[in-house]
Amino acid sequence: MGAYLRPRHLQDALSALARPHAVLAGGTDFHPARVGRATDEDVLDIAGIVELHGISSTADGWRLGATTTWSELVAADLPPLFDGLKQAAREVGGRQIQNIGTLAGNLCNASPAADGVPCLLALDAEVEIAGVAPRRLPVSAFLTGPRRTSLAPGELVVALHVPRPRHDTRSAFLKLGARRYLVISIAMASAVLEIADGRIAAARVAVGACSPVAVRLPGLEAALEGAPVDGALADRVDAAHLAPLAPIDDVRGSAAYRSDAALTLLRRLLGGFAP
């Protein structure tokens, strides 16, 4: 078995990453991937680092610490901007997983079906990375493919940053799986709408599980801007808006089914914003 480290401070963790370690936070992806075999790599457990934990408000928006759990997010006092992310949080496995699984863990695992990612895209979130040269990246740039991210050797995600919107904002999330709970997504969608004088001042819409990474739909966002927030929003969704998607056939559904499911989810999602 390799070495197991559980530092209490961020700098100690970064020093340890001078040589390769498997990074462990909640462990909800780490441990299932190693069932039936010994853990022979060196492990860096970051769950005890206080700097990586918690949610705070800043002048520019909100900081979500990397090791904040899904249950803590749901319980946090946050504005409607975060309703979609909270809805996704309730879909991440069961209660036990939500109690220990972390926001950054879900992101860094980089599954095409990671429930939190479409919401983070719609929130216009950035990833704060610590290392030799600290940096921030949009979530869309951080994720580079299935199970792949932009993290370089020696780097660690320390927080997610969500900017403060200019207008009153609402958000929502919908997911389709083979059953209601404890299931990997076939398709999912999230939307954030900034609203001024009863019309959409800005729209951010993302779809997951229908591409190598979750993606925003700029054509649909443009079609929504300026529209009144009423029951006709769903009618503004057109199949052509799904052009950025690249669904595949797998055991959970065919590419054609995923495309149809994404279209239906988007219409239901936007229809739900009507008063």
C-alpha atoms as a PDB file:
ATOM      1  CA  MET A   1       0.000   0.000   0.000  1.00  0.00           C
ATOM      2  CA  GLY A   2       1.203   3.519  -0.801  1.00  0.00           C
ATOM      3  CA  ALA A   3       1.588   6.402   1.634  1.00  0.00           C
ATOM      4  CA  TYR A   4      -1.514   8.107   3.075  1.00  0.00           C
ATOM      5  CA  LEU A   5      -1.284  11.823   3.888  1.00  0.00           C
ATOM      6  CA  ARG A   6      -3.962  13.995   5.512  1.00  0.00           C
ATOM      7  CA  PRO A   7      -2.557  17.527   5.802  1.00  0.00           C
ATOM      8  CA  ARG A   8      -4.282  20.314   7.728  1.00  0.00           C
ATOM      9  CA  HIS A   9      -3.011  23.192   5.603  1.00  0.00           C
ATOM     10  CA  LEU A  10      -3.150  23.964   1.892  1.00  0.00           C
ATOM     11  CA  GLN A  11       0.575  24.616   1.562  1.00  0.00           C
ATOM     12  CA  ASP A  12       1.354  21.194   3.011  1.00  0.00           C
ATOM     13  CA  ALA A  13      -0.932  19.603   0.417  1.00  0.00           C
ATOM     14  CA  LEU A  14       0.741  21.509  -2.405  1.00  0.00           C
ATOM     15  CA  SER A  15       4.158  20.452  -1.126  1.00  0.00           C
ATOM     16  CA  ALA A  16       3.040  16.825  -1.126  1.00  0.00           C
ATOM     17  CA  LEU A  17       1.920  17.173  -4.743  1.00  0.00           C
ATOM     18  CA  ALA A  18       5.533  17.722  -5.753  1.00  0.00           C
ATOM     19  CA  ARG A  19       5.293  13.995  -6.438  1.00  0.00           C
ATOM     20  CA  PRO A  20       2.192  12.200  -7.763  1.00  0.00           C
ATOM     21  CA  HIS A  21      -0.647  11.454  -5.364  1.00  0.00           C
ATOM     22  CA  ALA A  22      -4.231  10.340  -5.851  1.00  0.00           C
ATOM     23  CA  VAL A  23      -6.280  13.194  -4.368  1.00  0.00           C
ATOM     24  CA  LEU A  24      -9.079  12.120  -2.041  1.00  0.00           C
ATOM     25  CA  ALA A  25     -11.837  14.390  -0.715  1.00  0.00           C
ATOM     26  CA  GLY A  26     -15.190  12.674  -0.080  1.00  0.00           C
ATOM     27  CA  GLY A  27     -14.006   9.431  -1.702  1.00  0.00           C
ATOM     28  CA  THR A  28     -17.341   8.654  -3.367  1.00  0.00           C
ATOM     29  CA  ASP A  29     -15.607   8.140  -6.732  1.00  0.00           C
ATOM     30  CA  PHE A  30     -12.194   7.137  -5.372  1.00  0.00           C
ATOM     31  CA  HIS A  31     -13.235   4.068  -3.386  1.00  0.00           C
ATOM     32  CA  PRO A  32     -15.721   2.478  -5.848  1.00  0.00           C
ATOM     33  CA  ALA A  33     -13.050   2.646  -8.566  1.00  0.00           C
ATOM     34  CA  ARG A  34     -10.770   0.497  -6.387  1.00  0.00           C
ATOM     35  CA  VAL A  35     -13.136  -2.233  -5.239  1.00  0.00           C
ATOM     36  CA  GLY A  36     -11.422  -5.603  -5.317  1.00  0.00           C
ATOM     37  CA  ARG A  37      -7.859  -4.349  -5.458  1.00  0.00           C
ATOM     38  CA  ALA A  38      -5.333  -2.883  -3.079  1.00  0.00           C
ATOM     39  CA  THR A  39      -4.717   0.863  -3.051  1.00  0.00           C
ATOM     40  CA  ASP A  40      -1.082   0.903  -4.117  1.00  0.00           C
ATOM     41  CA  GLU A  41      -0.724   4.592  -5.039  1.00  0.00           C
ATOM     42  CA  ASP A  42       0.128   7.404  -2.647  1.00  0.00           C
ATOM     43  CA  VAL A  43      -3.047   9.120  -1.393  1.00  0.00           C
ATOM     44  CA  LEU A  44      -3.483  12.775  -0.440  1.00  0.00           C
ATOM     45  CA  ASP A  45      -6.637  13.264   1.655  1.00  0.00           C
ATOM     46  CA  ILE A  46      -7.590  16.961   1.528  1.00  0.00           C
ATOM     47  CA  ALA A  47     -10.784  16.716   3.614  1.00  0.00           C
ATOM     48  CA  GLY A  48      -9.109  18.191   6.716  1.00  0.00           C
ATOM     49  CA  ILE A  49      -7.902  21.423   5.093  1.00  0.00           C
ATOM     50  CA  VAL A  50     -10.011  24.238   6.534  1.00  0.00           C
ATOM     51  CA  GLU A  51      -9.183  26.671   3.700  1.00  0.00           C
ATOM     52  CA  LEU A  52     -10.953  24.391   1.223  1.00  0.00           C
ATOM     53  CA  HIS A  53     -14.245  24.232   3.063  1.00  0.00           C
ATOM     54  CA  GLY A  54     -17.412  26.294   3.306  1.00  0.00           C
ATOM     55  CA  ILE A  55     -19.468  28.848   1.379  1.00  0.00           C
ATOM     56  CA  SER A  56     -18.952  32.584   1.685  1.00  0.00           C
ATOM     57  CA  SER A  57     -20.266  35.750   0.059  1.00  0.00           C
ATOM     58  CA  THR A  58     -17.789  38.141  -1.539  1.00  0.00           C
ATOM     59  CA  ALA A  59     -18.070  41.578  -3.121  1.00  0.00           C
ATOM     60  CA  ASP A  60     -18.152  39.962  -6.562  1.00  0.00           C
ATOM     61  CA  GLY A  61     -20.264  36.906  -5.803  1.00  0.00           C
ATOM     62  CA  TRP A  62     -19.867  33.672  -3.847  1.00  0.00           C
ATOM     63  CA  ARG A  63     -16.981  31.356  -3.058  1.00  0.00           C
ATOM     64  CA  LEU A  64     -17.783  27.642  -2.779  1.00  0.00           C
ATOM     65  CA  GLY A  65     -14.937  25.789  -1.085  1.00  0.00           C
ATOM     66  CA  ALA A  66     -13.698  22.701  -2.904  1.00  0.00           C
ATOM     67  CA  THR A  67     -14.530  20.247  -0.103  1.00  0.00           C
ATOM     68  CA  THR A  68     -17.986  21.663   0.641  1.00  0.00           C
ATOM     69  CA  THR A  69     -20.446  18.772   0.505  1.00  0.00           C
ATOM     70  CA  TRP A  70     -23.683  18.606  -1.431  1.00  0.00           C
ATOM     71  CA  SER A  71     -25.706  18.457   1.792  1.00  0.00           C
ATOM     72  CA  GLU A  72     -23.989  21.608   3.049  1.00  0.00           C
ATOM     73  CA  LEU A  73     -24.825  23.361  -0.195  1.00  0.00           C
ATOM     74  CA  VAL A  74     -28.502  22.405   0.103  1.00  0.00           C
ATOM     75  CA  ALA A  75     -28.612  23.689   3.701  1.00  0.00           C
ATOM     76  CA  ALA A  76     -26.837  26.973   2.912  1.00  0.00           C
ATOM     77  CA  ASP A  77     -28.725  30.274   2.887  1.00  0.00           C
ATOM     78  CA  LEU A  78     -28.301  31.226  -0.773  1.00  0.00           C
ATOM     79  CA  PRO A  79     -30.378  33.298  -3.226  1.00  0.00           C
ATOM     80  CA  PRO A  80     -32.591  31.806  -5.995  1.00  0.00           C
ATOM     81  CA  LEU A  81     -29.576  31.963  -8.309  1.00  0.00           C
ATOM     82  CA  PHE A  82     -28.500  28.692  -6.649  1.00  0.00           C
ATOM     83  CA  ASP A  83     -31.846  26.871  -6.775  1.00  0.00           C
ATOM     84  CA  GLY A  84     -30.780  24.863  -9.837  1.00  0.00           C
ATOM     85  CA  LEU A  85     -27.518  23.772  -8.229  1.00  0.00           C
ATOM     86  CA  LYS A  86     -29.400  22.792  -5.074  1.00  0.00           C
ATOM     87  CA  GLN A  87     -31.827  20.733  -7.176  1.00  0.00           C
ATOM     88  CA  ALA A  88     -28.855  18.972  -8.768  1.00  0.00           C
ATOM     89  CA  ALA A  89     -27.316  18.423  -5.314  1.00  0.00           C
ATOM     90  CA  ARG A  90     -30.379  16.422  -4.289  1.00  0.00           C
ATOM     91  CA  GLU A  91     -29.833  14.158  -7.319  1.00  0.00           C
ATOM     92  CA  VAL A  92     -26.197  13.257  -6.510  1.00  0.00           C
ATOM     93  CA  GLY A  93     -26.595   9.684  -5.292  1.00  0.00           C
ATOM     94  CA  GLY A  94     -28.410   9.123  -1.997  1.00  0.00           C
ATOM     95  CA  ARG A  95     -28.269  11.053   1.258  1.00  0.00           C
ATOM     96  CA  GLN A  96     -25.101   9.281   2.390  1.00  0.00           C
ATOM     97  CA  ILE A  97     -23.298  10.305  -0.808  1.00  0.00           C
ATOM     98  CA  GLN A  98     -24.583  13.877  -0.511  1.00  0.00           C
ATOM     99  CA  ASN A  99     -23.281  14.051   3.065  1.00  0.00           C
ATOM    100  CA  ILE A 100     -19.705  13.258   2.064  1.00  0.00           C
ATOM    101  CA  GLY A 101     -19.375  13.909  -1.687  1.00  0.00           C
ATOM    102  CA  THR A 102     -17.820  17.275  -2.528  1.00  0.00           C
ATOM    103  CA  LEU A 103     -18.468  19.956  -5.128  1.00  0.00           C
ATOM    104  CA  ALA A 104     -14.928  19.904  -6.516  1.00  0.00           C
ATOM    105  CA  GLY A 105     -14.776  16.120  -6.436  1.00  0.00           C
ATOM    106  CA  ASN A 106     -17.792  15.922  -8.736  1.00  0.00           C
ATOM    107  CA  LEU A 107     -16.162  18.445 -11.048  1.00  0.00           C
ATOM    108  CA  CYS A 108     -12.655  16.934 -11.046  1.00  0.00           C
ATOM    109  CA  ASN A 109     -13.989  13.441 -11.692  1.00  0.00           C
ATOM    110  CA  ALA A 110     -15.032  14.948 -15.050  1.00  0.00           C
ATOM    111  CA  SER A 111     -17.781  12.474 -15.845  1.00  0.00           C
ATOM    112  CA  PRO A 112     -19.917  13.546 -18.833  1.00  0.00           C
ATOM    113  CA  ALA A 113     -22.909  12.792 -16.576  1.00  0.00           C
ATOM    114  CA  ALA A 114     -21.712  14.746 -13.488  1.00  0.00           C
ATOM    115  CA  ASP A 115     -24.908  16.323 -12.139  1.00  0.00           C
ATOM    116  CA  GLY A 116     -23.302  19.523 -10.884  1.00  0.00           C
ATOM    117  CA  VAL A 117     -21.545  20.542 -14.091  1.00  0.00           C
ATOM    118  CA  PRO A 118     -24.469  21.897 -16.189  1.00  0.00           C
ATOM    119  CA  CYS A 119     -25.471  24.068 -13.231  1.00  0.00           C
ATOM    120  CA  LEU A 120     -21.947  25.404 -12.787  1.00  0.00           C
ATOM    121  CA  LEU A 121     -21.823  26.248 -16.495  1.00  0.00           C
ATOM    122  CA  ALA A 122     -25.157  28.062 -16.266  1.00  0.00           C
ATOM    123  CA  LEU A 123     -23.885  29.909 -13.181  1.00  0.00           C
ATOM    124  CA  ASP A 124     -20.851  31.078 -15.202  1.00  0.00           C
ATOM    125  CA  ALA A 125     -18.658  29.633 -12.452  1.00  0.00           C
ATOM    126  CA  GLU A 126     -14.887  29.760 -12.372  1.00  0.00           C
ATOM    127  CA  VAL A 127     -12.490  27.206 -10.904  1.00  0.00           C
ATOM    128  CA  GLU A 128      -9.802  28.515  -8.552  1.00  0.00           C
ATOM    129  CA  ILE A 129      -6.604  26.464  -8.844  1.00  0.00           C
ATOM    130  CA  ALA A 130      -3.662  26.573  -6.452  1.00  0.00           C
ATOM    131  CA  GLY A 131      -0.151  25.645  -7.504  1.00  0.00           C
ATOM    132  CA  VAL A 132       3.124  27.196  -8.553  1.00  0.00           C
ATOM    133  CA  ALA A 133       1.148  29.761 -10.569  1.00  0.00           C
ATOM    134  CA  PRO A 134      -2.343  30.190  -9.025  1.00  0.00           C
ATOM    135  CA  ARG A 135      -5.024  30.727 -11.649  1.00  0.00           C
ATOM    136  CA  ARG A 136      -8.728  30.719 -12.400  1.00  0.00           C
ATOM    137  CA  LEU A 137     -10.468  29.035 -15.300  1.00  0.00           C
ATOM    138  CA  PRO A 138     -14.082  29.004 -16.478  1.00  0.00           C
ATOM    139  CA  VAL A 139     -15.642  25.593 -15.902  1.00  0.00           C
ATOM    140  CA  SER A 140     -15.909  25.191 -19.686  1.00  0.00           C
ATOM    141  CA  ALA A 141     -12.119  25.524 -20.003  1.00  0.00           C
ATOM    142  CA  PHE A 142     -11.357  23.396 -16.948  1.00  0.00           C
ATOM    143  CA  LEU A 143     -13.101  20.322 -18.368  1.00  0.00           C
ATOM    144  CA  THR A 144     -11.279  19.060 -21.455  1.00  0.00           C
ATOM    145  CA  GLY A 145     -12.978  15.685 -22.061  1.00  0.00           C
ATOM    146  CA  PRO A 146     -14.385  12.587 -20.357  1.00  0.00           C
ATOM    147  CA  ARG A 147     -12.390  12.101 -17.139  1.00  0.00           C
ATOM    148  CA  ARG A 148      -9.972  14.852 -18.208  1.00  0.00           C
ATOM    149  CA  THR A 149      -9.339  18.331 -16.800  1.00  0.00           C
ATOM    150  CA  SER A 150      -6.858  21.168 -17.212  1.00  0.00           C
ATOM    151  CA  LEU A 151      -5.191  20.447 -13.863  1.00  0.00           C
ATOM    152  CA  ALA A 152      -1.419  20.242 -14.242  1.00  0.00           C
ATOM    153  CA  PRO A 153       0.855  18.162 -11.987  1.00  0.00           C
ATOM    154  CA  GLY A 154       1.190  19.829  -8.600  1.00  0.00           C
ATOM    155  CA  GLU A 155      -2.113  21.757  -8.885  1.00  0.00           C
ATOM    156  CA  LEU A 156      -5.210  21.496  -6.723  1.00  0.00           C
ATOM    157  CA  VAL A 157      -8.723  22.922  -7.027  1.00  0.00           C
ATOM    158  CA  VAL A 158      -9.407  25.037  -3.944  1.00  0.00           C
ATOM    159  CA  ALA A 159     -12.763  26.715  -4.721  1.00  0.00           C
ATOM    160  CA  LEU A 160     -15.471  27.543  -7.216  1.00  0.00           C
ATOM    161  CA  HIS A 161     -16.475  31.173  -7.746  1.00  0.00           C
ATOM    162  CA  VAL A 162     -19.933  32.261  -8.876  1.00  0.00           C
ATOM    163  CA  PRO A 163     -20.292  35.877 -10.034  1.00  0.00           C
ATOM    164  CA  ARG A 164     -23.064  38.087  -8.735  1.00  0.00           C
ATOM    165  CA  PRO A 165     -25.687  38.675 -11.469  1.00  0.00           C
ATOM    166  CA  ARG A 166     -26.782  42.176 -12.495  1.00  0.00           C
ATOM    167  CA  HIS A 167     -30.518  41.450 -12.279  1.00  0.00           C
ATOM    168  CA  ASP A 168     -33.003  39.395 -10.274  1.00  0.00           C
ATOM    169  CA  THR A 169     -32.250  35.814 -11.145  1.00  0.00           C
ATOM    170  CA  ARG A 170     -33.960  32.430 -11.154  1.00  0.00           C
ATOM    171  CA  SER A 171     -32.489  29.027 -11.902  1.00  0.00           C
ATOM    172  CA  ALA A 172     -33.578  25.414 -12.294  1.00  0.00           C
ATOM    173  CA  PHE A 173     -32.305  21.923 -13.098  1.00  0.00           C
ATOM    174  CA  LEU A 174     -33.938  18.786 -14.543  1.00  0.00           C
ATOM    175  CA  LYS A 175     -32.520  15.296 -14.947  1.00  0.00           C
ATOM    176  CA  LEU A 176     -33.687  12.176 -16.762  1.00  0.00           C
ATOM    177  CA  GLY A 177     -32.546   8.738 -15.617  1.00  0.00           C
ATOM    178  CA  ALA A 178     -33.765   5.178 -15.904  1.00  0.00           C
ATOM    179  CA  ARG A 179     -35.499   5.612 -12.522  1.00  0.00           C
ATOM    180  CA  ARG A 180     -36.290   8.448 -10.148  1.00  0.00           C
ATOM    181  CA  TYR A 181     -33.374   8.203  -7.702  1.00  0.00           C
ATOM    182  CA  LEU A 182     -29.812   6.848  -7.440  1.00  0.00           C
ATOM    183  CA  VAL A 183     -29.204   6.816 -11.168  1.00  0.00           C
ATOM    184  CA  ILE A 184     -26.702   8.125 -13.709  1.00  0.00           C
ATOM    185  CA  SER A 185     -28.169  10.737 -16.046  1.00  0.00           C
ATOM    186  CA  ILE A 186     -29.340   9.956 -19.548  1.00  0.00           C
ATOM    187  CA  ALA A 187     -29.737  13.696 -20.114  1.00  0.00           C
ATOM    188  CA  MET A 188     -29.953  16.765 -17.897  1.00  0.00           C
ATOM    189  CA  ALA A 189     -30.378  20.493 -18.291  1.00  0.00           C
ATOM    190  CA  SER A 190     -29.880  23.627 -16.222  1.00  0.00           C
ATOM    191  CA  ALA A 191     -30.860  27.227 -16.845  1.00  0.00           C
ATOM    192  CA  VAL A 192     -30.163  30.563 -15.170  1.00  0.00           C
ATOM    193  CA  LEU A 193     -32.366  33.479 -16.214  1.00  0.00           C
ATOM    194  CA  GLU A 194     -31.645  37.080 -15.261  1.00  0.00           C
ATOM    195  CA  ILE A 195     -34.920  38.992 -15.310  1.00  0.00           C
ATOM    196  CA  ALA A 196     -35.583  42.733 -15.618  1.00  0.00           C
ATOM    197  CA  ASP A 197     -39.066  44.284 -16.032  1.00  0.00           C
ATOM    198  CA  GLY A 198     -40.610  40.870 -16.648  1.00  0.00           C
ATOM    199  CA  ARG A 199     -38.259  40.007 -19.521  1.00  0.00           C
ATOM    200  CA  ILE A 200     -35.122  37.940 -19.791  1.00  0.00           C
ATOM    201  CA  ALA A 201     -32.093  40.211 -19.663  1.00  0.00           C
ATOM    202  CA  ALA A 202     -29.621  37.332 -19.879  1.00  0.00           C
ATOM    203  CA  ALA A 203     -29.936  33.560 -20.227  1.00  0.00           C
ATOM    204  CA  ARG A 204     -27.448  30.767 -19.613  1.00  0.00           C
ATOM    205  CA  VAL A 205     -28.530  27.238 -20.502  1.00  0.00           C
ATOM    206  CA  ALA A 206     -26.429  24.062 -20.345  1.00  0.00           C
ATOM    207  CA  VAL A 207     -27.015  20.375 -21.108  1.00  0.00           C
ATOM    208  CA  GLY A 208     -25.107  17.413 -19.658  1.00  0.00           C
ATOM    209  CA  ALA A 209     -24.740  13.697 -20.440  1.00  0.00           C
ATOM    210  CA  CYS A 210     -25.210  14.444 -24.142  1.00  0.00           C
ATOM    211  CA  SER A 211     -21.603  15.335 -25.057  1.00  0.00           C
ATOM    212  CA  PRO A 212     -18.063  14.434 -23.961  1.00  0.00           C
ATOM    213  CA  VAL A 213     -18.448  17.349 -21.535  1.00  0.00           C
ATOM    214  CA  ALA A 214     -21.536  19.359 -20.603  1.00  0.00           C
ATOM    215  CA  VAL A 215     -22.003  22.387 -22.877  1.00  0.00           C
ATOM    216  CA  ARG A 216     -23.878  25.677 -23.035  1.00  0.00           C
ATOM    217  CA  LEU A 217     -26.375  26.330 -25.837  1.00  0.00           C
ATOM    218  CA  PRO A 218     -25.615  29.842 -27.163  1.00  0.00           C
ATOM    219  CA  GLY A 219     -28.297  29.718 -29.864  1.00  0.00           C
ATOM    220  CA  LEU A 220     -31.023  29.027 -27.321  1.00  0.00           C
ATOM    221  CA  GLU A 221     -29.626  31.655 -24.958  1.00  0.00           C
ATOM    222  CA  ALA A 222     -29.834  34.254 -27.736  1.00  0.00           C
ATOM    223  CA  ALA A 223     -33.395  33.182 -28.573  1.00  0.00           C
ATOM    224  CA  LEU A 224     -34.442  33.688 -24.951  1.00  0.00           C
ATOM    225  CA  GLU A 225     -32.965  37.135 -24.416  1.00  0.00           C
ATOM    226  CA  GLY A 226     -35.642  39.808 -24.422  1.00  0.00           C
ATOM    227  CA  ALA A 227     -38.480  37.289 -24.157  1.00  0.00           C
ATOM    228  CA  PRO A 228     -41.213  37.784 -21.555  1.00  0.00           C
ATOM    229  CA  VAL A 229     -41.144  35.281 -18.701  1.00  0.00           C
ATOM    230  CA  ASP A 230     -44.377  33.451 -19.495  1.00  0.00           C
ATOM    231  CA  GLY A 231     -45.690  30.085 -20.589  1.00  0.00           C
ATOM    232  CA  ALA A 232     -44.409  30.597 -24.128  1.00  0.00           C
ATOM    233  CA  LEU A 233     -40.758  30.211 -23.118  1.00  0.00           C
ATOM    234  CA  ALA A 234     -40.886  26.478 -23.812  1.00  0.00           C
ATOM    235  CA  ASP A 235     -41.980  27.165 -27.388  1.00  0.00           C
ATOM    236  CA  ARG A 236     -38.763  29.068 -28.043  1.00  0.00           C
ATOM    237  CA  VAL A 237     -36.711  25.867 -27.838  1.00  0.00           C
ATOM    238  CA  ASP A 238     -35.921  24.496 -31.282  1.00  0.00           C
ATOM    239  CA  ALA A 239     -34.092  21.298 -32.238  1.00  0.00           C
ATOM    240  CA  ALA A 240     -31.509  23.442 -34.026  1.00  0.00           C
ATOM    241  CA  HIS A 241     -30.459  24.880 -30.659  1.00  0.00           C
ATOM    242  CA  LEU A 242     -29.057  21.437 -29.765  1.00  0.00           C
ATOM    243  CA  ALA A 243     -26.339  21.633 -32.431  1.00  0.00           C
ATOM    244  CA  PRO A 244     -23.480  21.885 -29.873  1.00  0.00           C
ATOM    245  CA  LEU A 245     -24.427  18.479 -28.412  1.00  0.00           C
ATOM    246  CA  ALA A 246     -22.757  15.226 -29.464  1.00  0.00           C
ATOM    247  CA  PRO A 247     -24.747  12.391 -27.830  1.00  0.00           C
ATOM    248  CA  ILE A 248     -23.588   8.789 -28.007  1.00  0.00           C
ATOM    249  CA  ASP A 249     -25.195   5.347 -27.907  1.00  0.00           C
ATOM    250  CA  ASP A 250     -24.559   3.475 -24.651  1.00  0.00           C
ATOM    251  CA  VAL A 251     -26.308   1.150 -22.221  1.00  0.00           C
ATOM    252  CA  ARG A 252     -28.458   4.012 -20.870  1.00  0.00           C
ATOM    253  CA  GLY A 253     -29.829   5.201 -24.202  1.00  0.00           C
ATOM    254  CA  SER A 254     -29.228   5.827 -27.880  1.00  0.00           C
ATOM    255  CA  ALA A 255     -27.913   9.090 -29.298  1.00  0.00           C
ATOM    256  CA  ALA A 256     -31.287   9.750 -30.918  1.00  0.00           C
ATOM    257  CA  TYR A 257     -33.097   9.162 -27.626  1.00  0.00           C
ATOM    258  CA  ARG A 258     -30.713  11.476 -25.793  1.00  0.00           C
ATOM    259  CA  SER A 259     -31.311  14.254 -28.328  1.00  0.00           C
ATOM    260  CA  ASP A 260     -35.069  13.894 -28.004  1.00  0.00           C
ATOM    261  CA  ALA A 261     -34.806  13.727 -24.214  1.00  0.00           C
ATOM    262  CA  ALA A 262     -32.668  16.880 -24.089  1.00  0.00           C
ATOM    263  CA  LEU A 263     -35.205  18.758 -26.210  1.00  0.00           C
ATOM    264  CA  THR A 264     -38.058  17.668 -23.947  1.00  0.00           C
ATOM    265  CA  LEU A 265     -36.133  18.481 -20.770  1.00  0.00           C
ATOM    266  CA  LEU A 266     -35.303  21.970 -22.025  1.00  0.00           C
ATOM    267  CA  ARG A 267     -38.942  22.699 -22.848  1.00  0.00           C
ATOM    268  CA  ARG A 268     -40.096  21.453 -19.457  1.00  0.00           C
ATOM    269  CA  LEU A 269     -37.322  23.333 -17.700  1.00  0.00           C
ATOM    270  CA  LEU A 270     -38.128  26.668 -19.337  1.00  0.00           C
ATOM    271  CA  GLY A 271     -41.859  26.113 -19.044  1.00  0.00           C
ATOM    272  CA  GLY A 272     -41.369  25.873 -15.309  1.00  0.00           C
ATOM    273  CA  PHE A 273     -40.193  29.502 -15.106  1.00  0.00           C
ATOM    274  CA  ALA A 274     -43.671  30.812 -15.978  1.00  0.00           C
ATOM    275  CA  PRO A 275     -45.440  32.593 -13.106  1.00  0.00           C
END
